[in-house]
Amino acid sequence: MAKNIVWHDQLISKEEQRIKNKHHSAVLYFTGLSGSGKSTIANAAARRLHDLGANTYVLDGDNVRHGLNKDLGFSDEARKENIRRIGEVSKLFIDSGQLVFTAFISPFQEDRDSVRRLVEEDEFVEVYISCPLDACEERDPKGLYEKARAGVIPEFTGISSPYEAPVKPELTLKTDQYTVEECVEQLIGYLREKKWIN
């Protein structure tokens, strides 16, 4: 850790941000295989919440790798660092009073749990975007499974690298059984049950 640095508290507290925004702030941590629908549902849910007056932001795996994490590869250690950075950024969004969605494969439970530990107990929702591998592979919106099967992409989650499904997610959305709209409604219902939004 760098020396001679001091944490500066914000003059506007997280609680004040939440009061102004009229909703709770937290990270909705989407995890699932490539092609399961993480980015699609995260963006659709963020749009719906925005329309309801909430402050939201989506941290998408590919987008973050264009900038903040462009120096990282896909080894286990690089994946771990990718998630660590996302956790730290998510924490800043929470402090600013927003609902932040993360749409990352995030294959290891240990890494997801490390993000959970970074924030307060009521600020982390693990959302498992559940979809069987064969359905994800059939969708293959980016053509990645085909490349992985051909050996062009090494260390591809679900094919040549493991994926650890969540042990006890707060919410499971089954994208092979429900439409995007139905999954979004399930998520909105969960947030309303928790009284995090109106």
N, C-alpha and C. Protein backbone atom coordinates (compact mmCIF):
# COMPACT_ATOMS: atom_id res chain seq x y z
N MET A 1 0.85 -1.19 0.00
CA MET A 1 0.00 0.00 0.00
C MET A 1 0.89 1.24 0.00
N ALA A 2 0.46 2.26 -0.72
CA ALA A 2 1.24 3.51 -0.80
C ALA A 2 1.30 4.19 0.56
N LYS A 3 2.42 4.85 0.82
CA LYS A 3 2.60 5.56 2.09
C LYS A 3 2.18 7.02 1.92
N ASN A 4 2.01 7.67 3.06
CA ASN A 4 1.72 9.10 3.10
C ASN A 4 0.43 9.49 2.38
N ILE A 5 -0.55 8.61 2.46
CA ILE A 5 -1.87 8.97 1.92
C ILE A 5 -2.89 8.90 3.06
N VAL A 6 -3.87 9.77 3.01
CA VAL A 6 -4.88 9.85 4.06
C VAL A 6 -6.26 9.84 3.42
N TRP A 7 -7.17 9.05 3.98
CA TRP A 7 -8.55 9.02 3.47
C TRP A 7 -9.25 10.31 3.87
N HIS A 8 -9.87 10.98 2.89
CA HIS A 8 -10.62 12.21 3.16
C HIS A 8 -12.11 11.91 3.12
N ASP A 9 -12.77 12.16 4.24
CA ASP A 9 -14.21 11.97 4.28
C ASP A 9 -14.91 13.01 3.42
N GLN A 10 -16.01 12.61 2.81
CA GLN A 10 -16.81 13.52 1.99
C GLN A 10 -17.62 14.44 2.89
N LEU A 11 -17.82 15.65 2.47
CA LEU A 11 -18.67 16.58 3.24
C LEU A 11 -20.15 16.21 3.10
N ILE A 12 -20.46 15.51 2.01
CA ILE A 12 -21.84 15.02 1.81
C ILE A 12 -21.83 13.53 2.12
N SER A 13 -22.53 13.13 3.15
CA SER A 13 -22.49 11.72 3.57
C SER A 13 -23.32 10.83 2.65
N LYS A 14 -23.07 9.54 2.75
CA LYS A 14 -23.83 8.56 1.99
C LYS A 14 -25.32 8.65 2.34
N GLU A 15 -25.60 8.85 3.62
CA GLU A 15 -26.99 8.94 4.07
C GLU A 15 -27.67 10.17 3.46
N GLU A 16 -26.95 11.29 3.40
CA GLU A 16 -27.50 12.49 2.77
C GLU A 16 -27.78 12.26 1.28
N GLN A 17 -26.87 11.55 0.62
CA GLN A 17 -27.07 11.24 -0.81
C GLN A 17 -28.33 10.40 -0.99
N ARG A 18 -28.51 9.42 -0.10
CA ARG A 18 -29.69 8.55 -0.20
C ARG A 18 -30.98 9.33 0.03
N ILE A 19 -30.95 10.23 0.99
CA ILE A 19 -32.15 11.05 1.26
C ILE A 19 -32.48 11.90 0.04
N LYS A 20 -31.47 12.52 -0.54
CA LYS A 20 -31.70 13.35 -1.74
C LYS A 20 -32.22 12.51 -2.90
N ASN A 21 -31.63 11.32 -3.08
CA ASN A 21 -32.01 10.45 -4.21
C ASN A 21 -33.32 9.71 -3.97
N LYS A 22 -33.75 9.65 -2.71
CA LYS A 22 -35.01 8.98 -2.33
C LYS A 22 -34.97 7.47 -2.59
N HIS A 23 -33.77 6.89 -2.45
CA HIS A 23 -33.67 5.43 -2.51
C HIS A 23 -32.35 4.99 -1.87
N HIS A 24 -32.29 3.73 -1.55
CA HIS A 24 -31.10 3.13 -0.97
C HIS A 24 -30.01 3.06 -2.05
N SER A 25 -28.77 2.91 -1.63
CA SER A 25 -27.70 2.68 -2.60
C SER A 25 -27.04 1.35 -2.31
N ALA A 26 -26.69 0.63 -3.36
CA ALA A 26 -26.13 -0.71 -3.21
C ALA A 26 -25.54 -1.15 -4.54
N VAL A 27 -24.81 -2.27 -4.50
CA VAL A 27 -24.34 -2.89 -5.73
C VAL A 27 -25.21 -4.12 -5.99
N LEU A 28 -25.75 -4.17 -7.19
CA LEU A 28 -26.49 -5.34 -7.66
C LEU A 28 -25.50 -6.11 -8.52
N TYR A 29 -24.93 -7.15 -7.91
CA TYR A 29 -23.77 -7.82 -8.47
C TYR A 29 -24.20 -9.02 -9.31
N PHE A 30 -24.30 -8.79 -10.63
CA PHE A 30 -24.74 -9.83 -11.56
C PHE A 30 -23.57 -10.75 -11.87
N THR A 31 -23.81 -12.04 -11.82
CA THR A 31 -22.82 -13.03 -12.19
C THR A 31 -23.49 -14.12 -13.00
N GLY A 32 -22.77 -14.68 -13.95
CA GLY A 32 -23.31 -15.74 -14.79
C GLY A 32 -22.40 -15.96 -15.97
N LEU A 33 -22.66 -17.02 -16.70
CA LEU A 33 -21.84 -17.36 -17.86
C LEU A 33 -21.95 -16.31 -18.97
N SER A 34 -20.99 -16.30 -19.85
CA SER A 34 -21.06 -15.44 -21.04
C SER A 34 -22.31 -15.83 -21.82
N GLY A 35 -23.09 -14.83 -22.22
CA GLY A 35 -24.30 -15.11 -22.99
C GLY A 35 -25.52 -15.41 -22.14
N SER A 36 -25.39 -15.36 -20.82
CA SER A 36 -26.53 -15.67 -19.95
C SER A 36 -27.54 -14.53 -19.90
N GLY A 37 -27.09 -13.31 -20.21
CA GLY A 37 -28.00 -12.17 -20.21
C GLY A 37 -27.68 -11.11 -19.16
N LYS A 38 -26.50 -11.16 -18.59
CA LYS A 38 -26.13 -10.21 -17.52
C LYS A 38 -26.25 -8.76 -17.96
N SER A 39 -25.55 -8.40 -19.03
CA SER A 39 -25.56 -7.01 -19.49
C SER A 39 -26.94 -6.59 -19.96
N THR A 40 -27.63 -7.47 -20.64
CA THR A 40 -28.96 -7.16 -21.16
C THR A 40 -29.92 -6.84 -20.02
N ILE A 41 -29.94 -7.69 -19.01
CA ILE A 41 -30.87 -7.49 -17.89
C ILE A 41 -30.43 -6.31 -17.03
N ALA A 42 -29.12 -6.18 -16.79
CA ALA A 42 -28.63 -5.06 -15.99
C ALA A 42 -29.02 -3.74 -16.63
N ASN A 43 -28.83 -3.61 -17.93
CA ASN A 43 -29.18 -2.37 -18.62
C ASN A 43 -30.69 -2.13 -18.66
N ALA A 44 -31.45 -3.19 -18.86
CA ALA A 44 -32.90 -3.04 -18.88
C ALA A 44 -33.43 -2.65 -17.49
N ALA A 45 -32.85 -3.23 -16.45
CA ALA A 45 -33.27 -2.90 -15.08
C ALA A 45 -32.85 -1.48 -14.72
N ALA A 46 -31.64 -1.09 -15.12
CA ALA A 46 -31.17 0.27 -14.86
C ALA A 46 -32.08 1.29 -15.56
N ARG A 47 -32.47 0.98 -16.78
CA ARG A 47 -33.37 1.86 -17.53
C ARG A 47 -34.71 2.00 -16.81
N ARG A 48 -35.24 0.86 -16.37
CA ARG A 48 -36.55 0.86 -15.67
C ARG A 48 -36.46 1.65 -14.38
N LEU A 49 -35.38 1.45 -13.62
CA LEU A 49 -35.21 2.18 -12.37
C LEU A 49 -35.00 3.67 -12.62
N HIS A 50 -34.27 4.00 -13.67
CA HIS A 50 -34.08 5.40 -14.05
C HIS A 50 -35.43 6.05 -14.34
N ASP A 51 -36.26 5.34 -15.07
CA ASP A 51 -37.59 5.86 -15.40
C ASP A 51 -38.45 6.04 -14.15
N LEU A 52 -38.14 5.27 -13.10
CA LEU A 52 -38.85 5.40 -11.82
C LEU A 52 -38.23 6.49 -10.94
N GLY A 53 -37.16 7.13 -11.42
CA GLY A 53 -36.55 8.22 -10.69
C GLY A 53 -35.30 7.87 -9.91
N ALA A 54 -34.80 6.63 -10.05
CA ALA A 54 -33.61 6.22 -9.32
C ALA A 54 -32.34 6.60 -10.07
N ASN A 55 -31.27 6.78 -9.33
CA ASN A 55 -29.95 7.05 -9.89
C ASN A 55 -29.21 5.72 -10.04
N THR A 56 -28.89 5.36 -11.27
CA THR A 56 -28.27 4.06 -11.53
C THR A 56 -27.06 4.20 -12.44
N TYR A 57 -26.21 3.17 -12.40
CA TYR A 57 -25.12 3.08 -13.36
C TYR A 57 -24.77 1.61 -13.55
N VAL A 58 -24.45 1.24 -14.78
CA VAL A 58 -24.07 -0.14 -15.10
C VAL A 58 -22.57 -0.19 -15.38
N LEU A 59 -21.87 -1.00 -14.61
CA LEU A 59 -20.47 -1.30 -14.87
C LEU A 59 -20.45 -2.61 -15.65
N ASP A 60 -20.19 -2.53 -16.94
CA ASP A 60 -20.20 -3.71 -17.80
C ASP A 60 -18.79 -4.26 -17.95
N GLY A 61 -18.67 -5.57 -17.92
CA GLY A 61 -17.37 -6.22 -17.98
C GLY A 61 -16.52 -5.80 -19.16
N ASP A 62 -17.09 -5.82 -20.35
CA ASP A 62 -16.33 -5.44 -21.55
C ASP A 62 -15.96 -3.97 -21.52
N ASN A 63 -16.90 -3.11 -21.10
CA ASN A 63 -16.63 -1.68 -21.08
C ASN A 63 -15.49 -1.34 -20.11
N VAL A 64 -15.50 -1.96 -18.95
CA VAL A 64 -14.46 -1.69 -17.95
C VAL A 64 -13.10 -2.14 -18.45
N ARG A 65 -13.07 -3.20 -19.24
CA ARG A 65 -11.80 -3.69 -19.78
C ARG A 65 -11.28 -2.82 -20.93
N HIS A 66 -12.10 -1.90 -21.41
CA HIS A 66 -11.62 -0.93 -22.40
C HIS A 66 -10.81 0.19 -21.74
N GLY A 67 -11.02 0.41 -20.45
CA GLY A 67 -10.36 1.53 -19.78
C GLY A 67 -9.68 1.14 -18.49
N LEU A 68 -10.44 1.18 -17.40
CA LEU A 68 -9.91 0.92 -16.07
C LEU A 68 -9.08 -0.35 -15.98
N ASN A 69 -9.54 -1.41 -16.61
CA ASN A 69 -8.87 -2.71 -16.49
C ASN A 69 -8.26 -3.20 -17.80
N LYS A 70 -7.90 -2.28 -18.68
CA LYS A 70 -7.37 -2.69 -19.98
C LYS A 70 -6.00 -3.36 -19.87
N ASP A 71 -5.35 -3.23 -18.72
CA ASP A 71 -4.04 -3.86 -18.53
C ASP A 71 -4.14 -5.29 -18.04
N LEU A 72 -5.35 -5.80 -17.85
CA LEU A 72 -5.53 -7.14 -17.29
C LEU A 72 -5.90 -8.18 -18.35
N GLY A 73 -5.36 -9.37 -18.17
CA GLY A 73 -5.71 -10.49 -19.04
C GLY A 73 -6.81 -11.33 -18.40
N PHE A 74 -6.76 -12.66 -18.65
CA PHE A 74 -7.83 -13.54 -18.17
C PHE A 74 -7.31 -14.72 -17.35
N SER A 75 -6.08 -14.60 -16.84
CA SER A 75 -5.60 -15.63 -15.92
C SER A 75 -6.40 -15.52 -14.63
N ASP A 76 -6.31 -16.54 -13.77
CA ASP A 76 -7.05 -16.49 -12.51
C ASP A 76 -6.68 -15.25 -11.71
N GLU A 77 -5.39 -14.91 -11.66
CA GLU A 77 -4.94 -13.74 -10.90
C GLU A 77 -5.45 -12.45 -11.50
N ALA A 78 -5.46 -12.37 -12.83
CA ALA A 78 -5.97 -11.16 -13.50
C ALA A 78 -7.47 -11.01 -13.27
N ARG A 79 -8.18 -12.12 -13.30
CA ARG A 79 -9.63 -12.08 -13.03
C ARG A 79 -9.89 -11.59 -11.62
N LYS A 80 -9.08 -12.07 -10.68
CA LYS A 80 -9.20 -11.67 -9.27
C LYS A 80 -8.99 -10.15 -9.13
N GLU A 81 -7.96 -9.62 -9.80
CA GLU A 81 -7.68 -8.19 -9.74
C GLU A 81 -8.78 -7.39 -10.43
N ASN A 82 -9.31 -7.91 -11.53
CA ASN A 82 -10.43 -7.28 -12.23
C ASN A 82 -11.59 -7.07 -11.27
N ILE A 83 -11.94 -8.12 -10.54
CA ILE A 83 -13.07 -8.05 -9.62
C ILE A 83 -12.75 -7.15 -8.43
N ARG A 84 -11.52 -7.18 -7.94
CA ARG A 84 -11.14 -6.30 -6.82
C ARG A 84 -11.35 -4.83 -7.20
N ARG A 85 -10.90 -4.46 -8.39
CA ARG A 85 -11.06 -3.08 -8.83
C ARG A 85 -12.53 -2.71 -8.98
N ILE A 86 -13.30 -3.63 -9.52
CA ILE A 86 -14.73 -3.38 -9.69
C ILE A 86 -15.39 -3.18 -8.34
N GLY A 87 -14.98 -3.97 -7.36
CA GLY A 87 -15.52 -3.82 -6.01
C GLY A 87 -15.24 -2.45 -5.44
N GLU A 88 -14.03 -1.97 -5.63
CA GLU A 88 -13.66 -0.64 -5.12
C GLU A 88 -14.44 0.46 -5.83
N VAL A 89 -14.60 0.34 -7.13
CA VAL A 89 -15.38 1.34 -7.88
C VAL A 89 -16.85 1.29 -7.44
N SER A 90 -17.38 0.08 -7.26
CA SER A 90 -18.77 -0.07 -6.82
C SER A 90 -18.99 0.60 -5.47
N LYS A 91 -18.02 0.46 -4.59
CA LYS A 91 -18.12 1.08 -3.27
C LYS A 91 -18.23 2.60 -3.39
N LEU A 92 -17.50 3.20 -4.31
CA LEU A 92 -17.58 4.64 -4.53
C LEU A 92 -18.97 5.04 -5.04
N PHE A 93 -19.53 4.23 -5.94
CA PHE A 93 -20.88 4.51 -6.44
C PHE A 93 -21.90 4.43 -5.30
N ILE A 94 -21.74 3.44 -4.43
CA ILE A 94 -22.63 3.30 -3.28
C ILE A 94 -22.54 4.54 -2.39
N ASP A 95 -21.31 4.99 -2.14
CA ASP A 95 -21.11 6.19 -1.32
C ASP A 95 -21.77 7.41 -1.95
N SER A 96 -21.86 7.43 -3.28
CA SER A 96 -22.49 8.57 -3.96
C SER A 96 -24.02 8.45 -4.00
N GLY A 97 -24.55 7.37 -3.40
CA GLY A 97 -26.00 7.22 -3.28
C GLY A 97 -26.68 6.54 -4.45
N GLN A 98 -25.91 5.85 -5.29
CA GLN A 98 -26.50 5.24 -6.49
C GLN A 98 -26.71 3.73 -6.35
N LEU A 99 -27.56 3.22 -7.19
CA LEU A 99 -27.69 1.78 -7.38
C LEU A 99 -26.79 1.42 -8.54
N VAL A 100 -25.74 0.66 -8.28
CA VAL A 100 -24.79 0.31 -9.33
C VAL A 100 -24.97 -1.17 -9.68
N PHE A 101 -25.05 -1.43 -10.97
CA PHE A 101 -25.14 -2.80 -11.47
C PHE A 101 -23.76 -3.21 -11.97
N THR A 102 -23.31 -4.40 -11.62
CA THR A 102 -22.08 -4.92 -12.20
C THR A 102 -22.45 -6.14 -13.04
N ALA A 103 -22.01 -6.15 -14.27
CA ALA A 103 -22.32 -7.26 -15.18
C ALA A 103 -21.00 -7.90 -15.60
N PHE A 104 -20.53 -8.85 -14.78
CA PHE A 104 -19.27 -9.54 -14.99
C PHE A 104 -19.49 -11.03 -14.82
N ILE A 105 -18.78 -11.83 -15.60
CA ILE A 105 -18.87 -13.28 -15.39
C ILE A 105 -18.51 -13.58 -13.95
N SER A 106 -17.40 -13.01 -13.48
CA SER A 106 -16.98 -13.16 -12.08
C SER A 106 -17.08 -14.62 -11.64
N PRO A 107 -16.22 -15.48 -12.19
CA PRO A 107 -16.43 -16.93 -12.04
C PRO A 107 -16.17 -17.53 -10.67
N PHE A 108 -15.47 -16.81 -9.79
CA PHE A 108 -15.08 -17.44 -8.52
C PHE A 108 -15.84 -16.85 -7.33
N GLN A 109 -16.44 -17.74 -6.52
CA GLN A 109 -17.20 -17.32 -5.35
C GLN A 109 -16.34 -16.50 -4.39
N GLU A 110 -15.11 -16.89 -4.22
CA GLU A 110 -14.20 -16.18 -3.31
C GLU A 110 -14.06 -14.71 -3.70
N ASP A 111 -13.98 -14.44 -4.99
CA ASP A 111 -13.84 -13.05 -5.46
C ASP A 111 -15.13 -12.27 -5.24
N ARG A 112 -16.26 -12.90 -5.51
CA ARG A 112 -17.55 -12.23 -5.27
C ARG A 112 -17.72 -11.93 -3.78
N ASP A 113 -17.32 -12.88 -2.95
CA ASP A 113 -17.41 -12.68 -1.50
C ASP A 113 -16.49 -11.55 -1.04
N SER A 114 -15.36 -11.38 -1.71
CA SER A 114 -14.43 -10.31 -1.33
C SER A 114 -15.05 -8.94 -1.59
N VAL A 115 -15.85 -8.83 -2.66
CA VAL A 115 -16.57 -7.57 -2.93
C VAL A 115 -17.64 -7.36 -1.86
N ARG A 116 -18.34 -8.42 -1.50
CA ARG A 116 -19.37 -8.34 -0.45
C ARG A 116 -18.76 -7.77 0.84
N ARG A 117 -17.55 -8.22 1.16
CA ARG A 117 -16.90 -7.77 2.40
C ARG A 117 -16.46 -6.30 2.34
N LEU A 118 -16.31 -5.76 1.15
CA LEU A 118 -15.89 -4.36 0.99
C LEU A 118 -16.96 -3.37 1.41
N VAL A 119 -18.22 -3.79 1.32
CA VAL A 119 -19.34 -2.87 1.56
C VAL A 119 -20.13 -3.32 2.78
N GLU A 120 -21.08 -2.51 3.20
CA GLU A 120 -21.89 -2.87 4.36
C GLU A 120 -22.86 -3.99 4.01
N GLU A 121 -23.38 -4.62 5.06
CA GLU A 121 -24.21 -5.81 4.88
C GLU A 121 -25.42 -5.59 3.97
N ASP A 122 -26.04 -4.42 4.06
CA ASP A 122 -27.23 -4.16 3.26
C ASP A 122 -26.92 -3.41 1.96
N GLU A 123 -25.69 -3.58 1.46
CA GLU A 123 -25.29 -2.87 0.25
C GLU A 123 -24.84 -3.80 -0.87
N PHE A 124 -25.04 -5.09 -0.70
CA PHE A 124 -24.57 -6.06 -1.71
C PHE A 124 -25.68 -7.05 -1.99
N VAL A 125 -26.05 -7.15 -3.26
CA VAL A 125 -27.05 -8.14 -3.69
C VAL A 125 -26.42 -8.98 -4.80
N GLU A 126 -26.17 -10.24 -4.50
CA GLU A 126 -25.63 -11.14 -5.52
C GLU A 126 -26.80 -11.63 -6.36
N VAL A 127 -26.75 -11.33 -7.65
CA VAL A 127 -27.82 -11.71 -8.58
C VAL A 127 -27.24 -12.74 -9.55
N TYR A 128 -27.71 -13.97 -9.41
CA TYR A 128 -27.23 -15.04 -10.27
C TYR A 128 -28.08 -15.08 -11.53
N ILE A 129 -27.46 -14.77 -12.66
CA ILE A 129 -28.14 -14.86 -13.95
C ILE A 129 -27.95 -16.30 -14.42
N SER A 130 -28.93 -17.10 -14.12
CA SER A 130 -28.84 -18.55 -14.33
C SER A 130 -29.31 -18.93 -15.74
N CYS A 131 -28.43 -19.61 -16.45
CA CYS A 131 -28.76 -20.09 -17.79
C CYS A 131 -27.85 -21.27 -18.09
N PRO A 132 -28.39 -22.40 -18.53
CA PRO A 132 -27.54 -23.55 -18.82
C PRO A 132 -26.50 -23.24 -19.89
N LEU A 133 -25.36 -23.90 -19.79
CA LEU A 133 -24.26 -23.68 -20.73
C LEU A 133 -24.70 -23.87 -22.17
N ASP A 134 -25.49 -24.91 -22.44
CA ASP A 134 -25.88 -25.16 -23.83
C ASP A 134 -26.75 -24.03 -24.39
N ALA A 135 -27.59 -23.41 -23.53
CA ALA A 135 -28.41 -22.29 -23.98
C ALA A 135 -27.54 -21.06 -24.23
N CYS A 136 -26.56 -20.81 -23.35
CA CYS A 136 -25.63 -19.69 -23.55
C CYS A 136 -24.84 -19.88 -24.84
N GLU A 137 -24.42 -21.13 -25.05
CA GLU A 137 -23.62 -21.44 -26.23
C GLU A 137 -24.45 -21.31 -27.51
N GLU A 138 -25.72 -21.64 -27.41
CA GLU A 138 -26.61 -21.51 -28.57
C GLU A 138 -26.83 -20.03 -28.92
N ARG A 139 -26.93 -19.20 -27.87
CA ARG A 139 -27.09 -17.75 -28.11
C ARG A 139 -25.80 -17.17 -28.68
N ASP A 140 -24.71 -17.40 -27.98
CA ASP A 140 -23.36 -16.97 -28.35
C ASP A 140 -23.36 -15.64 -29.11
N PRO A 141 -23.87 -14.54 -28.48
CA PRO A 141 -24.03 -13.27 -29.19
C PRO A 141 -22.73 -12.68 -29.72
N LYS A 142 -21.61 -13.02 -29.08
CA LYS A 142 -20.32 -12.44 -29.52
C LYS A 142 -19.46 -13.46 -30.27
N GLY A 143 -19.98 -14.67 -30.46
CA GLY A 143 -19.20 -15.70 -31.15
C GLY A 143 -18.04 -16.24 -30.34
N LEU A 144 -18.10 -16.06 -29.01
CA LEU A 144 -16.97 -16.43 -28.16
C LEU A 144 -16.89 -17.94 -27.91
N TYR A 145 -18.04 -18.58 -27.75
CA TYR A 145 -18.02 -20.02 -27.50
C TYR A 145 -17.44 -20.77 -28.69
N GLU A 146 -17.83 -20.33 -29.88
CA GLU A 146 -17.30 -20.96 -31.10
C GLU A 146 -15.77 -20.85 -31.13
N LYS A 147 -15.27 -19.67 -30.79
CA LYS A 147 -13.81 -19.46 -30.77
C LYS A 147 -13.16 -20.29 -29.66
N ALA A 148 -13.84 -20.37 -28.50
CA ALA A 148 -13.29 -21.15 -27.39
C ALA A 148 -13.22 -22.64 -27.74
N ARG A 149 -14.27 -23.14 -28.38
CA ARG A 149 -14.31 -24.56 -28.78
C ARG A 149 -13.23 -24.85 -29.83
N ALA A 150 -12.89 -23.83 -30.61
CA ALA A 150 -11.87 -24.00 -31.66
C ALA A 150 -10.46 -23.79 -31.10
N GLY A 151 -10.37 -23.44 -29.81
CA GLY A 151 -9.07 -23.24 -29.19
C GLY A 151 -8.47 -21.87 -29.44
N VAL A 152 -9.26 -20.98 -30.03
CA VAL A 152 -8.76 -19.63 -30.33
C VAL A 152 -8.70 -18.78 -29.06
N ILE A 153 -9.67 -18.99 -28.15
CA ILE A 153 -9.69 -18.26 -26.88
C ILE A 153 -9.35 -19.24 -25.76
N PRO A 154 -8.16 -19.11 -25.17
CA PRO A 154 -7.82 -19.98 -24.04
C PRO A 154 -8.47 -19.46 -22.76
N GLU A 155 -8.57 -20.29 -21.76
CA GLU A 155 -9.09 -19.90 -20.44
C GLU A 155 -10.47 -19.24 -20.54
N PHE A 156 -11.37 -19.90 -21.27
CA PHE A 156 -12.71 -19.35 -21.45
C PHE A 156 -13.66 -19.99 -20.45
N THR A 157 -14.32 -19.16 -19.65
CA THR A 157 -15.19 -19.64 -18.58
C THR A 157 -16.30 -20.54 -19.12
N GLY A 158 -16.44 -21.69 -18.49
CA GLY A 158 -17.47 -22.65 -18.86
C GLY A 158 -16.97 -23.69 -19.84
N ILE A 159 -15.86 -23.40 -20.52
CA ILE A 159 -15.29 -24.34 -21.49
C ILE A 159 -13.94 -24.84 -20.99
N SER A 160 -12.96 -23.95 -20.90
CA SER A 160 -11.62 -24.36 -20.47
C SER A 160 -11.22 -23.74 -19.13
N SER A 161 -12.14 -23.00 -18.53
CA SER A 161 -11.91 -22.40 -17.22
C SER A 161 -13.21 -22.55 -16.42
N PRO A 162 -13.12 -22.83 -15.12
CA PRO A 162 -14.33 -23.13 -14.35
C PRO A 162 -15.20 -21.92 -14.04
N TYR A 163 -16.48 -22.19 -13.80
CA TYR A 163 -17.40 -21.19 -13.28
C TYR A 163 -18.04 -21.76 -12.02
N GLU A 164 -17.93 -21.03 -10.92
CA GLU A 164 -18.53 -21.45 -9.65
C GLU A 164 -19.84 -20.70 -9.47
N ALA A 165 -20.94 -21.42 -9.62
CA ALA A 165 -22.26 -20.80 -9.45
C ALA A 165 -22.41 -20.32 -8.00
N PRO A 166 -23.12 -19.22 -7.78
CA PRO A 166 -23.31 -18.72 -6.42
C PRO A 166 -23.89 -19.76 -5.47
N VAL A 167 -23.41 -19.75 -4.24
CA VAL A 167 -23.87 -20.69 -3.23
C VAL A 167 -25.21 -20.25 -2.67
N LYS A 168 -25.31 -18.98 -2.26
CA LYS A 168 -26.55 -18.45 -1.71
C LYS A 168 -26.81 -17.04 -2.24
N PRO A 169 -27.15 -16.93 -3.52
CA PRO A 169 -27.42 -15.58 -4.06
C PRO A 169 -28.70 -15.01 -3.45
N GLU A 170 -28.74 -13.70 -3.35
CA GLU A 170 -29.96 -13.06 -2.86
C GLU A 170 -31.09 -13.21 -3.88
N LEU A 171 -30.72 -13.30 -5.16
CA LEU A 171 -31.73 -13.37 -6.21
C LEU A 171 -31.19 -14.21 -7.36
N THR A 172 -32.03 -15.10 -7.89
CA THR A 172 -31.68 -15.89 -9.07
C THR A 172 -32.67 -15.56 -10.17
N LEU A 173 -32.15 -15.16 -11.32
CA LEU A 173 -32.99 -14.86 -12.48
C LEU A 173 -32.69 -15.90 -13.55
N LYS A 174 -33.68 -16.69 -13.93
CA LYS A 174 -33.50 -17.79 -14.88
C LYS A 174 -33.85 -17.31 -16.28
N THR A 175 -32.82 -16.94 -17.01
CA THR A 175 -33.05 -16.31 -18.31
C THR A 175 -33.43 -17.30 -19.40
N ASP A 176 -33.33 -18.59 -19.13
CA ASP A 176 -33.80 -19.58 -20.09
C ASP A 176 -35.29 -19.86 -19.91
N GLN A 177 -35.86 -19.34 -18.82
CA GLN A 177 -37.27 -19.58 -18.53
C GLN A 177 -38.12 -18.32 -18.57
N TYR A 178 -37.49 -17.15 -18.37
CA TYR A 178 -38.23 -15.90 -18.30
C TYR A 178 -37.68 -14.89 -19.30
N THR A 179 -38.54 -14.01 -19.76
CA THR A 179 -38.11 -12.95 -20.68
C THR A 179 -37.29 -11.91 -19.92
N VAL A 180 -36.64 -11.04 -20.66
CA VAL A 180 -35.90 -9.93 -20.05
C VAL A 180 -36.83 -9.10 -19.18
N GLU A 181 -38.00 -8.79 -19.69
CA GLU A 181 -38.97 -7.96 -18.96
C GLU A 181 -39.41 -8.65 -17.67
N GLU A 182 -39.64 -9.95 -17.72
CA GLU A 182 -40.04 -10.68 -16.52
C GLU A 182 -38.93 -10.71 -15.48
N CYS A 183 -37.70 -10.86 -15.94
CA CYS A 183 -36.55 -10.85 -15.02
C CYS A 183 -36.40 -9.48 -14.37
N VAL A 184 -36.59 -8.43 -15.15
CA VAL A 184 -36.50 -7.07 -14.60
C VAL A 184 -37.58 -6.87 -13.54
N GLU A 185 -38.78 -7.34 -13.81
CA GLU A 185 -39.86 -7.20 -12.83
C GLU A 185 -39.56 -7.97 -11.54
N GLN A 186 -38.93 -9.13 -11.66
CA GLN A 186 -38.53 -9.88 -10.47
C GLN A 186 -37.53 -9.08 -9.65
N LEU A 187 -36.59 -8.44 -10.33
CA LEU A 187 -35.59 -7.63 -9.64
C LEU A 187 -36.22 -6.41 -8.98
N ILE A 188 -37.09 -5.72 -9.70
CA ILE A 188 -37.78 -4.55 -9.14
C ILE A 188 -38.60 -4.97 -7.92
N GLY A 189 -39.26 -6.11 -8.02
CA GLY A 189 -40.04 -6.63 -6.89
C GLY A 189 -39.18 -6.88 -5.67
N TYR A 190 -38.00 -7.42 -5.90
CA TYR A 190 -37.07 -7.68 -4.80
C TYR A 190 -36.68 -6.36 -4.12
N LEU A 191 -36.34 -5.35 -4.91
CA LEU A 191 -35.93 -4.06 -4.36
C LEU A 191 -37.07 -3.39 -3.60
N ARG A 192 -38.29 -3.56 -4.09
CA ARG A 192 -39.45 -2.98 -3.40
C ARG A 192 -39.72 -3.72 -2.09
N GLU A 193 -39.55 -5.03 -2.10
CA GLU A 193 -39.72 -5.80 -0.86
C GLU A 193 -38.76 -5.32 0.22
N LYS A 194 -37.55 -4.98 -0.20
CA LYS A 194 -36.55 -4.50 0.75
C LYS A 194 -36.75 -3.03 1.11
N LYS A 195 -37.74 -2.38 0.44
CA LYS A 195 -38.02 -0.96 0.64
C LYS A 195 -36.83 -0.08 0.27
N TRP A 196 -36.09 -0.51 -0.72
CA TRP A 196 -34.94 0.26 -1.21
C TRP A 196 -35.37 1.27 -2.26
N ILE A 197 -36.50 1.00 -2.92
CA ILE A 197 -37.09 1.94 -3.87
C ILE A 197 -38.58 2.02 -3.60
N ASN A 198 -39.24 3.03 -4.16
CA ASN A 198 -40.70 3.17 -3.98
C ASN A 198 -41.44 2.36 -5.01
